[in-house]
Protein backbone atom coordinates (compact mmCIF):
# COMPACT_ATOMS: atom_id res chain seq x y z
CA MET A 1 7.56 9.03 12.73
CA ARG A 2 5.49 11.90 14.05
CA ILE A 3 1.71 11.91 14.06
CA LYS A 4 -0.11 15.24 14.34
CA LEU A 5 -3.82 15.95 14.40
CA LEU A 6 -4.63 18.58 11.75
CA SER A 7 -0.84 18.96 11.25
CA LEU A 8 -0.75 20.90 14.53
CA ILE A 9 -1.35 18.81 17.64
CA PRO A 10 1.19 16.02 18.36
CA VAL A 11 -0.57 12.75 19.15
CA GLY A 12 2.29 10.29 18.74
CA LYS A 13 5.90 9.77 17.84
CA ALA A 14 8.26 6.84 17.51
CA TRP A 15 11.81 6.31 16.25
CA GLY A 16 14.55 3.76 15.84
CA PRO A 17 15.56 1.13 13.29
CA GLU A 18 12.38 -0.92 13.76
CA MET A 19 10.23 2.13 13.11
CA ASP A 20 12.34 3.07 10.07
CA GLN A 21 11.76 -0.39 8.61
CA GLY A 22 8.05 -0.27 9.45
CA GLU A 23 7.65 3.11 7.79
CA LEU A 24 9.29 1.81 4.60
CA GLN A 25 6.82 -1.08 4.66
CA ARG A 26 3.95 1.38 5.10
CA TYR A 27 5.32 3.36 2.14
CA LEU A 28 5.30 0.19 0.02
CA GLY A 29 1.70 -0.43 1.11
CA GLU A 30 0.65 3.08 0.11
CA MET A 31 2.01 2.54 -3.40
CA VAL A 32 -1.35 0.96 -4.26
CA TRP A 33 -2.46 4.57 -4.94
CA PHE A 34 0.54 5.63 -7.03
CA PRO A 35 1.50 2.49 -8.96
CA THR A 36 4.19 4.21 -11.03
CA ALA A 37 6.29 4.20 -7.84
CA TRP A 38 6.65 0.41 -8.26
CA LEU A 39 8.92 1.19 -11.23
CA SER A 40 11.64 2.57 -8.93
CA ASP A 41 15.13 1.14 -9.33
CA ASP A 42 15.26 1.08 -5.51
CA ILE A 43 12.82 -1.85 -5.47
CA LYS A 44 14.07 -5.41 -6.02
CA TRP A 45 11.60 -8.14 -6.97
CA GLN A 46 11.42 -11.84 -6.17
CA THR A 47 8.71 -14.19 -7.44
CA ILE A 48 6.95 -16.17 -4.70
CA ASP A 49 4.40 -17.99 -6.89
CA ALA A 50 1.94 -17.29 -9.73
CA ASN A 51 -0.03 -14.84 -7.56
CA ALA A 52 2.58 -13.31 -5.25
CA VAL A 53 5.84 -11.36 -5.45
CA GLN A 54 8.12 -9.92 -2.82
CA ALA A 55 9.14 -6.28 -3.14
CA THR A 56 12.21 -5.14 -1.20
CA ILE A 57 13.33 -1.55 -0.87
CA ARG A 58 16.51 -0.18 0.66
CA GLN A 59 16.96 3.41 1.80
CA SER A 60 20.34 4.18 3.39
CA ASP A 61 20.92 1.31 5.82
CA VAL A 62 17.22 0.39 6.17
CA ARG A 63 15.79 -2.57 4.22
CA ALA A 64 12.11 -3.48 4.14
CA SER A 65 10.08 -6.12 2.31
CA VAL A 66 6.42 -6.81 1.65
CA ILE A 67 4.59 -9.47 -0.33
CA LEU A 68 2.14 -8.35 -3.00
CA HIS A 69 -0.79 -10.69 -3.69
CA ILE A 70 -2.36 -10.47 -7.16
CA ASN A 71 -5.68 -11.89 -8.41
CA GLU A 72 -6.42 -13.48 -11.81
CA GLN A 73 -7.26 -10.04 -13.27
CA GLY A 74 -3.78 -8.76 -12.37
CA GLN A 75 -5.13 -6.54 -9.59
CA LEU A 76 -3.31 -6.16 -6.31
CA THR A 77 -5.57 -7.63 -3.63
CA SER A 78 -3.30 -7.30 -0.60
CA VAL A 79 0.12 -6.35 0.67
CA THR A 80 1.38 -8.39 3.62
CA ALA A 81 4.41 -8.25 5.87
CA GLN A 82 5.82 -8.99 9.27
CA ARG A 83 6.00 -5.40 10.53
CA TYR A 84 7.21 -3.92 13.77
CA MET A 85 4.41 -2.66 16.00
CA ALA A 86 5.03 -0.35 18.94
CA GLN A 87 4.31 -2.02 22.29
CA GLY A 88 4.94 0.75 24.80
CA LYS A 89 8.63 1.62 24.45
CA HIS A 90 9.42 -1.64 22.64
CA TYR A 91 8.66 -3.07 19.20
CA GLN A 92 7.32 -6.48 18.32
CA LEU A 93 6.96 -8.10 14.90
CA ALA A 94 3.36 -8.80 13.98
CA PRO A 95 1.53 -9.81 10.79
CA TRP A 96 0.24 -6.73 8.97
CA SER A 97 -1.79 -6.32 5.78
CA VAL A 98 -3.23 -3.80 3.38
CA GLN A 99 -6.39 -5.13 1.72
CA ALA A 100 -7.25 -3.45 -1.59
CA GLY A 101 -10.42 -3.58 -3.66
CA GLU A 102 -12.98 -1.77 -5.82
CA TYR A 103 -10.62 -0.77 -8.61
CA ARG A 104 -11.31 2.29 -10.75
CA GLU A 105 -9.39 4.11 -13.45
CA ALA A 106 -7.61 7.33 -12.51
CA ASP A 107 -5.36 9.12 -15.01
CA GLY A 108 -5.00 5.95 -17.05
CA MET A 109 -4.10 3.76 -14.06
CA ARG A 110 -6.30 1.25 -12.25
CA ILE A 111 -6.13 1.85 -8.52
CA PRO A 112 -8.07 0.48 -5.55
CA THR A 113 -10.57 2.90 -4.08
CA ARG A 114 -11.25 0.87 -0.93
CA VAL A 115 -8.38 -0.01 1.38
CA GLU A 116 -8.17 -1.48 4.88
CA VAL A 117 -4.98 -1.72 6.94
CA THR A 118 -4.99 -4.42 9.62
CA TRP A 119 -2.71 -5.81 12.31
CA HIS A 120 -3.32 -9.57 12.70
CA LEU A 121 -2.74 -10.05 16.44
CA PRO A 122 -3.11 -13.10 18.71
CA SER A 123 -6.03 -11.28 20.38
CA GLY A 124 -7.74 -10.82 17.00
CA ASP A 125 -7.55 -8.60 13.95
CA PHE A 126 -7.24 -4.87 14.56
CA THR A 127 -8.19 -2.83 11.49
CA TRP A 128 -6.88 0.63 12.27
CA PHE A 129 -7.44 2.31 8.91
CA ARG A 130 -10.35 2.06 6.46
CA VAL A 131 -10.66 4.41 3.53
CA ARG A 132 -12.64 4.89 0.34
CA ILE A 133 -11.19 7.26 -2.21
CA SER A 134 -13.77 9.22 -4.14
CA GLU A 135 -11.32 11.40 -6.14
CA ILE A 136 -7.61 11.40 -6.81
CA GLU A 137 -5.45 13.76 -8.86
CA TYR A 138 -1.90 13.01 -10.01
CA ASN A 139 0.81 15.38 -11.19
CA ARG A 140 2.83 14.66 -14.34
CA SER A 141 5.34 12.46 -12.51
CA GLY A 142 2.55 10.15 -11.35
CA LYS A 143 2.61 11.34 -7.74
CA VAL A 144 -0.57 12.19 -5.90
CA ASN A 145 -1.39 15.91 -5.91
CA SER A 146 -4.61 15.60 -3.93
CA PHE A 147 -7.31 13.13 -3.08
CA ASN A 148 -10.65 13.02 -1.32
CA ILE A 149 -11.20 10.20 1.13
CA HIS A 150 -13.98 8.92 3.31
CA GLY A 151 -12.88 6.93 6.36
C-alpha cells in the first residue's frame, strides 16, 4: 500500500501479508459504492444470522473476510472485521468497521451516501474517514467512473 497526497507526495507505505489481507478487507468495505462487485465469483458467502453474512475473498494466496450487517429494509448498515492495523513496524489485529447510511439511488442501485470508517481500539474509537457522496457516475460494467465527495 502506498499513500500519496495529490498522487504526488508520498505520505505512507506499508507491505507484507497482513497489509495484503487488510487491503482486501478495505476493498470489500468499499464495495458499498459499487454493489455489482458483490456478484464476483471470487467471493464466497456464509450466513451468520437473519441480518448478517460473511463475505470471503481470495486473491492469489491472500484470503480476507468481513461481516456485512443488513437492516430490515435490506440495506447494508455496516461492514465489520478484525483487520490488521500498523503499529510502527508491526501489525496488530483490531476491530474495524465501515458504517453506511443515507441511501440514495444511483444508476438504478441504492447506495449509501454517508460512510464512516472506524478502528475500535482499547483507547476508544478512532474514526479516520468520514465521507458524504453528493454525486457518483458508473460506467457500463458498474464500476465507478467518478464521484464527488465531501469529507
